[in-house]
PDB file of N, CA and C in Angstrom:
ATOM      1  N   MET A   1       3.456  19.768  19.208  1.00  0.00           N
ATOM      2  CA  MET A   1       4.030  19.208  20.384  1.00  0.00           C
ATOM      3  C   MET A   1       5.167  18.677  20.451  1.00  0.00           C
ATOM      4  N   GLU A   2       5.494  19.295  22.059  1.00  0.00           N
ATOM      5  CA  GLU A   2       6.993  19.419  22.295  1.00  0.00           C
ATOM      6  C   GLU A   2       7.110  18.461  23.415  1.00  0.00           C
ATOM      7  N   GLU A   3       7.998  17.557  23.019  1.00  0.00           N
ATOM      8  CA  GLU A   3       8.702  16.863  24.393  1.00  0.00           C
ATOM      9  C   GLU A   3      10.341  16.685  24.440  1.00  0.00           C
ATOM     10  N   LYS A   4      10.290  17.251  25.792  1.00  0.00           N
ATOM     11  CA  LYS A   4      12.223  17.591  26.268  1.00  0.00           C
ATOM     12  C   LYS A   4      12.072  15.793  26.709  1.00  0.00           C
ATOM     13  N   LEU A   5      13.453  15.470  26.160  1.00  0.00           N
ATOM     14  CA  LEU A   5      14.394  14.205  26.536  1.00  0.00           C
ATOM     15  C   LEU A   5      15.642  14.195  27.459  1.00  0.00           C
ATOM     16  N   ILE A   6      15.969  13.594  28.013  1.00  0.00           N
ATOM     17  CA  ILE A   6      17.240  13.608  28.351  1.00  0.00           C
ATOM     18  C   ILE A   6      17.598  12.014  27.816  1.00  0.00           C
ATOM     19  N   LEU A   7      18.996  11.874  27.235  1.00  0.00           N
ATOM     20  CA  LEU A   7      19.272  10.895  26.216  1.00  0.00           C
ATOM     21  C   LEU A   7      20.733  10.523  27.385  1.00  0.00           C
ATOM     22  N   ALA A   8      20.767   9.633  28.202  1.00  0.00           N
ATOM     23  CA  ALA A   8      21.287   8.693  28.830  1.00  0.00           C
ATOM     24  C   ALA A   8      22.644   7.878  28.113  1.00  0.00           C
ATOM     25  N   CYS A   9      23.742   7.589  28.570  1.00  0.00           N
ATOM     26  CA  CYS A   9      24.402   6.679  28.024  1.00  0.00           C
ATOM     27  C   CYS A   9      25.260   6.438  29.126  1.00  0.00           C
ATOM     28  N   ASP A  10      25.398   4.885  28.784  1.00  0.00           N
ATOM     29  CA  ASP A  10      26.239   4.102  29.658  1.00  0.00           C
ATOM     30  C   ASP A  10      27.594   4.471  30.019  1.00  0.00           C
ATOM     31  N   ASN A  11      28.316   5.520  29.692  1.00  0.00           N
ATOM     32  CA  ASN A  11      29.503   6.004  30.663  1.00  0.00           C
ATOM     33  C   ASN A  11      29.484   7.358  30.887  1.00  0.00           C
ATOM     34  N   GLN A  12      28.077   7.157  31.748  1.00  0.00           N
ATOM     35  CA  GLN A  12      27.157   8.182  32.521  1.00  0.00           C
ATOM     36  C   GLN A  12      27.435   9.498  32.351  1.00  0.00           C
ATOM     37  N   THR A  13      27.123  10.068  30.989  1.00  0.00           N
ATOM     38  CA  THR A  13      27.279  11.292  30.234  1.00  0.00           C
ATOM     39  C   THR A  13      26.058  10.689  29.915  1.00  0.00           C
ATOM     40  N   SER A  14      25.435  12.020  29.205  1.00  0.00           N
ATOM     41  CA  SER A  14      24.068  12.645  28.862  1.00  0.00           C
ATOM     42  C   SER A  14      24.075  13.902  28.463  1.00  0.00           C
ATOM     43  N   GLU A  15      23.215  13.910  27.739  1.00  0.00           N
ATOM     44  CA  GLU A  15      22.263  15.574  26.621  1.00  0.00           C
ATOM     45  C   GLU A  15      21.020  15.506  27.062  1.00  0.00           C
ATOM     46  N   TYR A  16      20.392  16.864  26.798  1.00  0.00           N
ATOM     47  CA  TYR A  16      18.912  17.353  26.613  1.00  0.00           C
ATOM     48  C   TYR A  16      18.677  17.339  25.699  1.00  0.00           C
ATOM     49  N   TYR A  17      17.597  17.338  24.817  1.00  0.00           N
ATOM     50  CA  TYR A  17      16.658  17.461  23.321  1.00  0.00           C
ATOM     51  C   TYR A  17      15.745  17.612  23.773  1.00  0.00           C
ATOM     52  N   LYS A  18      15.352  18.103  22.833  1.00  0.00           N
ATOM     53  CA  LYS A  18      13.728  19.091  23.100  1.00  0.00           C
ATOM     54  C   LYS A  18      13.477  18.491  21.861  1.00  0.00           C
ATOM     55  N   VAL A  19      12.186  17.972  21.428  1.00  0.00           N
ATOM     56  CA  VAL A  19      11.951  16.682  20.557  1.00  0.00           C
ATOM     57  C   VAL A  19      10.190  17.291  19.738  1.00  0.00           C
ATOM     58  N   ASN A  20      10.099  18.552  18.503  1.00  0.00           N
ATOM     59  CA  ASN A  20       9.150  18.338  17.919  1.00  0.00           C
ATOM     60  C   ASN A  20       8.583  17.988  17.034  1.00  0.00           C
ATOM     61  N   GLY A  21       7.031  18.158  17.665  1.00  0.00           N
ATOM     62  CA  GLY A  21       6.120  17.403  16.321  1.00  0.00           C
ATOM     63  C   GLY A  21       4.571  17.908  15.972  1.00  0.00           C
ATOM     64  N   TYR A  22       4.374  16.838  14.612  1.00  0.00           N
ATOM     65  CA  TYR A  22       2.987  18.140  14.671  1.00  0.00           C
ATOM     66  C   TYR A  22       2.179  16.520  14.335  1.00  0.00           C
ATOM     67  N   GLY A  23       1.396  15.859  14.345  1.00  0.00           N
ATOM     68  CA  GLY A  23       0.509  14.589  13.912  1.00  0.00           C
ATOM     69  C   GLY A  23      -0.880  15.289  13.767  1.00  0.00           C
ATOM     70  N   ALA A  24      -1.247  14.368  13.399  1.00  0.00           N
ATOM     71  CA  ALA A  24      -3.212  14.516  13.371  1.00  0.00           C
ATOM     72  C   ALA A  24      -3.611  12.647  13.331  1.00  0.00           C
ATOM     73  N   MET A  25      -4.935  12.544  13.919  1.00  0.00           N
ATOM     74  CA  MET A  25      -6.248  11.435  13.190  1.00  0.00           C
ATOM     75  C   MET A  25      -5.813  11.789  12.153  1.00  0.00           C
ATOM     76  N   LEU A  26      -6.246  10.335  11.242  1.00  0.00           N
ATOM     77  CA  LEU A  26      -6.957   9.995  10.183  1.00  0.00           C
ATOM     78  C   LEU A  26      -8.402  10.059  10.144  1.00  0.00           C
ATOM     79  N   ASP A  27      -9.216  10.631   9.873  1.00  0.00           N
ATOM     80  CA  ASP A  27     -10.412  10.517  10.172  1.00  0.00           C
ATOM     81  C   ASP A  27     -11.182  10.700   8.893  1.00  0.00           C
ATOM     82  N   LEU A  28     -11.827   9.626   8.046  1.00  0.00           N
ATOM     83  CA  LEU A  28     -12.539   9.238   7.518  1.00  0.00           C
ATOM     84  C   LEU A  28     -13.846   9.283   7.865  1.00  0.00           C
ATOM     85  N   ASP A  29     -15.133   9.444   7.244  1.00  0.00           N
ATOM     86  CA  ASP A  29     -16.708   9.573   7.454  1.00  0.00           C
ATOM     87  C   ASP A  29     -17.336   8.719   6.411  1.00  0.00           C
ATOM     88  N   ILE A  30     -17.821   8.268   6.544  1.00  0.00           N
ATOM     89  CA  ILE A  30     -18.630   7.931   5.123  1.00  0.00           C
ATOM     90  C   ILE A  30     -20.118   8.434   5.106  1.00  0.00           C
ATOM     91  N   VAL A  31     -20.210   8.962   3.824  1.00  0.00           N
ATOM     92  CA  VAL A  31     -20.928   9.957   3.572  1.00  0.00           C
ATOM     93  C   VAL A  31     -22.745   9.511   2.493  1.00  0.00           C
ATOM     94  N   GLY A  32     -22.063   8.463   2.103  1.00  0.00           N
ATOM     95  CA  GLY A  32     -23.151   7.789   0.656  1.00  0.00           C
ATOM     96  C   GLY A  32     -23.271   6.522   0.581  1.00  0.00           C
ATOM     97  N   VAL A  33     -24.461   5.770   0.411  1.00  0.00           N
ATOM     98  CA  VAL A  33     -23.887   3.998   0.157  1.00  0.00           C
ATOM     99  C   VAL A  33     -24.911   3.864  -0.434  1.00  0.00           C
ATOM    100  N   ASP A  34     -24.589   3.250  -1.622  1.00  0.00           N
ATOM    101  CA  ASP A  34     -25.712   2.975  -2.478  1.00  0.00           C
ATOM    102  C   ASP A  34     -25.828   3.828  -3.495  1.00  0.00           C
ATOM    103  N   GLY A  35     -25.447   5.113  -3.191  1.00  0.00           N
ATOM    104  CA  GLY A  35     -25.809   6.800  -4.100  1.00  0.00           C
ATOM    105  C   GLY A  35     -26.699   7.089  -3.206  1.00  0.00           C
ATOM    106  N   LYS A  36     -26.990   6.767  -1.740  1.00  0.00           N
ATOM    107  CA  LYS A  36     -27.805   7.570  -0.765  1.00  0.00           C
ATOM    108  C   LYS A  36     -27.341   7.840   0.150  1.00  0.00           C
ATOM    109  N   GLU A  37     -27.039   9.375   0.706  1.00  0.00           N
ATOM    110  CA  GLU A  37     -26.854  10.130   1.471  1.00  0.00           C
ATOM    111  C   GLU A  37     -26.998   9.563   2.740  1.00  0.00           C
ATOM    112  N   VAL A  38     -25.329   9.056   3.975  1.00  0.00           N
ATOM    113  CA  VAL A  38     -25.746   8.612   4.902  1.00  0.00           C
ATOM    114  C   VAL A  38     -26.403   9.707   6.552  1.00  0.00           C
ATOM    115  N   ASP A  39     -26.919   9.924   6.956  1.00  0.00           N
ATOM    116  CA  ASP A  39     -27.082  10.669   7.926  1.00  0.00           C
ATOM    117  C   ASP A  39     -27.646   9.722   9.304  1.00  0.00           C
ATOM    118  N   PHE A  40     -26.532   9.452  10.451  1.00  0.00           N
ATOM    119  CA  PHE A  40     -26.291   8.265  11.168  1.00  0.00           C
ATOM    120  C   PHE A  40     -27.273   9.220  12.088  1.00  0.00           C
ATOM    121  N   LYS A  41     -27.924  10.108  12.199  1.00  0.00           N
ATOM    122  CA  LYS A  41     -29.259  10.436  13.255  1.00  0.00           C
ATOM    123  C   LYS A  41     -30.152  10.381  12.482  1.00  0.00           C
ATOM    124  N   THR A  42     -30.565  10.012  11.444  1.00  0.00           N
ATOM    125  CA  THR A  42     -31.713   9.611  10.311  1.00  0.00           C
ATOM    126  C   THR A  42     -31.790   8.542   9.960  1.00  0.00           C
ATOM    127  N   ASN A  43     -30.796   7.754   9.962  1.00  0.00           N
ATOM    128  CA  ASN A  43     -30.425   6.234   9.263  1.00  0.00           C
ATOM    129  C   ASN A  43     -29.598   5.390  10.438  1.00  0.00           C
ATOM    130  N   PRO A  44     -30.383   4.609  10.547  1.00  0.00           N
ATOM    131  CA  PRO A  44     -29.632   3.709  12.199  1.00  0.00           C
ATOM    132  C   PRO A  44     -28.369   3.297  10.937  1.00  0.00           C
ATOM    133  N   PHE A  45     -27.074   3.197  11.757  1.00  0.00           N
ATOM    134  CA  PHE A  45     -26.162   2.412  11.534  1.00  0.00           C
ATOM    135  C   PHE A  45     -26.179   0.820  10.958  1.00  0.00           C
ATOM    136  N   GLU A  46     -27.253   0.561  10.981  1.00  0.00           N
ATOM    137  CA  GLU A  46     -27.492  -1.219  10.266  1.00  0.00           C
ATOM    138  C   GLU A  46     -27.859  -0.580   8.855  1.00  0.00           C
ATOM    139  N   THR A  47     -27.706   0.070   7.910  1.00  0.00           N
ATOM    140  CA  THR A  47     -28.350   0.893   6.420  1.00  0.00           C
ATOM    141  C   THR A  47     -26.558   0.096   6.543  1.00  0.00           C
ATOM    142  N   MET A  48     -25.351  -0.136   7.038  1.00  0.00           N
ATOM    143  CA  MET A  48     -24.056  -0.312   6.833  1.00  0.00           C
ATOM    144  C   MET A  48     -23.994  -1.939   6.400  1.00  0.00           C
ATOM    145  N   TYR A  49     -24.604  -2.255   6.636  1.00  0.00           N
ATOM    146  CA  TYR A  49     -24.337  -3.964   7.126  1.00  0.00           C
ATOM    147  C   TYR A  49     -24.749  -4.267   5.934  1.00  0.00           C
ATOM    148  N   PHE A  50     -24.540  -5.841   5.176  1.00  0.00           N
ATOM    149  CA  PHE A  50     -24.462  -6.558   3.832  1.00  0.00           C
ATOM    150  C   PHE A  50     -25.356  -6.987   4.536  1.00  0.00           C
ATOM    151  N   GLU A  51     -26.019  -7.824   3.421  1.00  0.00           N
ATOM    152  CA  GLU A  51     -27.514  -8.944   3.657  1.00  0.00           C
ATOM    153  C   GLU A  51     -26.477 -10.242   3.819  1.00  0.00           C
ATOM    154  N   ASN A  52     -27.400 -11.627   4.274  1.00  0.00           N
ATOM    155  CA  ASN A  52     -26.830 -12.585   4.913  1.00  0.00           C
ATOM    156  C   ASN A  52     -26.545 -13.155   3.128  1.00  0.00           C
ATOM    157  N   THR A  53     -25.719 -13.907   3.274  1.00  0.00           N
ATOM    158  CA  THR A  53     -25.119 -14.335   1.941  1.00  0.00           C
ATOM    159  C   THR A  53     -24.848 -15.847   2.167  1.00  0.00           C
ATOM    160  N   ASN A  54     -25.120 -16.435   0.787  1.00  0.00           N
ATOM    161  CA  ASN A  54     -24.836 -18.371   1.159  1.00  0.00           C
ATOM    162  C   ASN A  54     -23.339 -18.160   0.956  1.00  0.00           C
ATOM    163  N   PRO A  55     -22.791 -19.630   0.885  1.00  0.00           N
ATOM    164  CA  PRO A  55     -21.357 -19.496   0.591  1.00  0.00           C
ATOM    165  C   PRO A  55     -21.726 -19.493  -1.165  1.00  0.00           C
ATOM    166  N   THR A  56     -20.511 -18.969  -1.354  1.00  0.00           N
ATOM    167  CA  THR A  56     -20.051 -19.025  -2.680  1.00  0.00           C
ATOM    168  C   THR A  56     -20.743 -17.903  -3.674  1.00  0.00           C
ATOM    169  N   ALA A  57     -21.692 -16.928  -2.683  1.00  0.00           N
ATOM    170  CA  ALA A  57     -22.426 -16.218  -3.177  1.00  0.00           C
ATOM    171  C   ALA A  57     -21.493 -14.666  -3.259  1.00  0.00           C
ATOM    172  N   GLU A  58     -22.530 -14.003  -4.034  1.00  0.00           N
ATOM    173  CA  GLU A  58     -21.704 -12.577  -3.919  1.00  0.00           C
ATOM    174  C   GLU A  58     -21.957 -11.377  -3.444  1.00  0.00           C
ATOM    175  N   SER A  59     -22.041 -10.265  -2.844  1.00  0.00           N
ATOM    176  CA  SER A  59     -22.680  -9.450  -2.631  1.00  0.00           C
ATOM    177  C   SER A  59     -22.047  -8.122  -2.620  1.00  0.00           C
ATOM    178  N   ARG A  60     -22.320  -7.044  -3.040  1.00  0.00           N
ATOM    179  CA  ARG A  60     -21.486  -5.630  -2.952  1.00  0.00           C
ATOM    180  C   ARG A  60     -22.117  -4.457  -2.811  1.00  0.00           C
ATOM    181  N   ARG A  61     -21.673  -3.474  -2.321  1.00  0.00           N
ATOM    182  CA  ARG A  61     -22.135  -1.900  -1.507  1.00  0.00           C
ATOM    183  C   ARG A  61     -21.186  -1.105  -2.322  1.00  0.00           C
ATOM    184  N   LYS A  62     -21.823   0.485  -2.753  1.00  0.00           N
ATOM    185  CA  LYS A  62     -20.914   0.920  -3.184  1.00  0.00           C
ATOM    186  C   LYS A  62     -20.882   2.025  -1.851  1.00  0.00           C
ATOM    187  N   ILE A  63     -19.636   2.487  -1.195  1.00  0.00           N
ATOM    188  CA  ILE A  63     -19.546   3.455  -0.491  1.00  0.00           C
ATOM    189  C   ILE A  63     -18.534   4.852  -0.750  1.00  0.00           C
ATOM    190  N   LYS A  64     -19.517   5.929  -0.088  1.00  0.00           N
ATOM    191  CA  LYS A  64     -18.499   7.010  -0.063  1.00  0.00           C
ATOM    192  C   LYS A  64     -17.773   7.282   0.837  1.00  0.00           C
ATOM    193  N   ILE A  65     -16.803   7.790   0.981  1.00  0.00           N
ATOM    194  CA  ILE A  65     -16.469   8.572   1.957  1.00  0.00           C
ATOM    195  C   ILE A  65     -15.662   9.880   1.605  1.00  0.00           C
ATOM    196  N   LYS A  66     -15.135  10.704   3.237  1.00  0.00           N
ATOM    197  CA  LYS A  66     -14.677  12.152   2.593  1.00  0.00           C
ATOM    198  C   LYS A  66     -13.608  11.688   3.511  1.00  0.00           C
ATOM    199  N   ASN A  67     -12.569  12.518   3.188  1.00  0.00           N
ATOM    200  CA  ASN A  67     -11.634  12.495   4.106  1.00  0.00           C
ATOM    201  C   ASN A  67     -11.641  13.771   5.099  1.00  0.00           C
ATOM    202  N   SER A  68     -12.217  13.541   6.378  1.00  0.00           N
ATOM    203  CA  SER A  68     -12.208  14.944   7.015  1.00  0.00           C
ATOM    204  C   SER A  68     -10.898  15.269   7.970  1.00  0.00           C
ATOM    205  N   SER A  69     -10.355  14.857   7.878  1.00  0.00           N
ATOM    206  CA  SER A  69      -9.211  15.283   8.998  1.00  0.00           C
ATOM    207  C   SER A  69      -8.519  16.306   8.327  1.00  0.00           C
ATOM    208  N   PRO A  70      -7.757  17.517   9.500  1.00  0.00           N
ATOM    209  CA  PRO A  70      -7.081  18.490   8.956  1.00  0.00           C
ATOM    210  C   PRO A  70      -5.730  18.530   8.195  1.00  0.00           C
ATOM    211  N   ILE A  71      -5.656  16.993   7.286  1.00  0.00           N
ATOM    212  CA  ILE A  71      -4.470  17.174   6.670  1.00  0.00           C
ATOM    213  C   ILE A  71      -4.779  16.187   5.823  1.00  0.00           C
ATOM    214  N   GLN A  72      -4.385  16.422   3.884  1.00  0.00           N
ATOM    215  CA  GLN A  72      -4.331  16.396   2.736  1.00  0.00           C
ATOM    216  C   GLN A  72      -3.319  14.631   3.004  1.00  0.00           C
ATOM    217  N   PHE A  73      -4.180  13.611   2.343  1.00  0.00           N
ATOM    218  CA  PHE A  73      -2.937  12.326   2.044  1.00  0.00           C
ATOM    219  C   PHE A  73      -3.555  11.721   1.162  1.00  0.00           C
ATOM    220  N   PRO A  74      -2.113  11.101   0.322  1.00  0.00           N
ATOM    221  CA  PRO A  74      -2.927  10.697  -0.950  1.00  0.00           C
ATOM    222  C   PRO A  74      -3.379   8.739  -0.232  1.00  0.00           C
ATOM    223  N   PHE A  75      -3.835   8.639  -1.532  1.00  0.00           N
ATOM    224  CA  PHE A  75      -4.716   7.163  -0.986  1.00  0.00           C
ATOM    225  C   PHE A  75      -4.770   6.508  -2.774  1.00  0.00           C
ATOM    226  N   HIS A  76      -5.051   4.945  -2.478  1.00  0.00           N
ATOM    227  CA  HIS A  76      -5.598   4.276  -3.992  1.00  0.00           C
ATOM    228  C   HIS A  76      -6.534   3.313  -3.452  1.00  0.00           C
ATOM    229  N   TRP A  77      -6.830   3.168  -4.654  1.00  0.00           N
ATOM    230  CA  TRP A  77      -7.710   2.012  -4.461  1.00  0.00           C
ATOM    231  C   TRP A  77      -7.241   0.695  -5.275  1.00  0.00           C
ATOM    232  N   SER A  78      -7.444  -0.186  -4.454  1.00  0.00           N
ATOM    233  CA  SER A  78      -6.867  -1.885  -5.664  1.00  0.00           C
ATOM    234  C   SER A  78      -7.577  -2.475  -5.793  1.00  0.00           C
ATOM    235  N   VAL A  79      -7.980  -2.893  -7.252  1.00  0.00           N
ATOM    236  CA  VAL A  79      -9.451  -4.366  -7.037  1.00  0.00           C
ATOM    237  C   VAL A  79      -8.310  -4.871  -8.108  1.00  0.00           C
ATOM    238  N   TYR A  80      -8.604  -6.049  -6.743  1.00  0.00           N
ATOM    239  CA  TYR A  80      -7.652  -7.696  -6.877  1.00  0.00           C
ATOM    240  C   TYR A  80      -9.023  -8.358  -7.689  1.00  0.00           C
ATOM    241  N   LYS A  81      -8.386  -8.867  -9.142  1.00  0.00           N
ATOM    242  CA  LYS A  81     -10.207 -10.024 -10.354  1.00  0.00           C
ATOM    243  C   LYS A  81      -9.765 -11.162  -9.768  1.00  0.00           C
ATOM    244  N   GLN A  82      -8.486 -11.743  -9.283  1.00  0.00           N
ATOM    245  CA  GLN A  82      -8.008 -13.001  -8.525  1.00  0.00           C
ATOM    246  C   GLN A  82      -8.114 -12.810  -7.026  1.00  0.00           C
ATOM    247  N   LYS A  83      -8.816 -14.339  -6.174  1.00  0.00           N
ATOM    248  CA  LYS A  83      -8.932 -14.183  -4.999  1.00  0.00           C
ATOM    249  C   LYS A  83      -7.609 -14.786  -4.086  1.00  0.00           C
ATOM    250  N   ASN A  84      -6.614 -14.393  -4.726  1.00  0.00           N
ATOM    251  CA  ASN A  84      -5.189 -15.113  -3.877  1.00  0.00           C
ATOM    252  C   ASN A  84      -4.881 -13.983  -3.169  1.00  0.00           C
ATOM    253  N   SER A  85      -4.764 -14.493  -1.538  1.00  0.00           N
ATOM    254  CA  SER A  85      -4.729 -13.697  -0.360  1.00  0.00           C
ATOM    255  C   SER A  85      -3.475 -13.421  -0.707  1.00  0.00           C
ATOM    256  N   GLN A  86      -1.916 -13.804  -0.492  1.00  0.00           N
ATOM    257  CA  GLN A  86      -1.519 -14.405  -0.259  1.00  0.00           C
ATOM    258  C   GLN A  86      -0.269 -13.657  -1.340  1.00  0.00           C
ATOM    259  N   LYS A  87      -0.569 -13.480  -2.005  1.00  0.00           N
ATOM    260  CA  LYS A  87      -0.137 -11.729  -3.209  1.00  0.00           C
ATOM    261  C   LYS A  87      -0.644 -10.397  -3.270  1.00  0.00           C
ATOM    262  N   ILE A  88      -1.585 -10.259  -2.572  1.00  0.00           N
ATOM    263  CA  ILE A  88      -2.129  -9.058  -2.140  1.00  0.00           C
ATOM    264  C   ILE A  88      -1.011  -8.152  -1.186  1.00  0.00           C
ATOM    265  N   SER A  89      -0.258  -6.908  -1.986  1.00  0.00           N
ATOM    266  CA  SER A  89       0.662  -6.243  -1.343  1.00  0.00           C
ATOM    267  C   SER A  89      -0.201  -4.907  -1.437  1.00  0.00           C
ATOM    268  N   LEU A  90       0.309  -3.946  -0.233  1.00  0.00           N
ATOM    269  CA  LEU A  90      -0.664  -2.592   0.430  1.00  0.00           C
ATOM    270  C   LEU A  90       1.068  -1.712  -0.483  1.00  0.00           C
TER     271      LEU A  90
END
């Protein structure tokens, strides 16, 4: 993408610049849930929902995702054994 800009100063001078950039939107697809392949045409989106639970109960699902964007990006997973949300940082 290319954009032409005019930088105007308060002393009534201006300069013309061209800004060039490349960007891509991050696109992650869900390809598997609990070891089963996901196909949203044959399986409804509701297969992604967690079942109802009671307070203090736990529920887990294993979700497999794929990077479908045109660029590679670094990522990592963090597992927090303590449920102290004050100390979570990304």
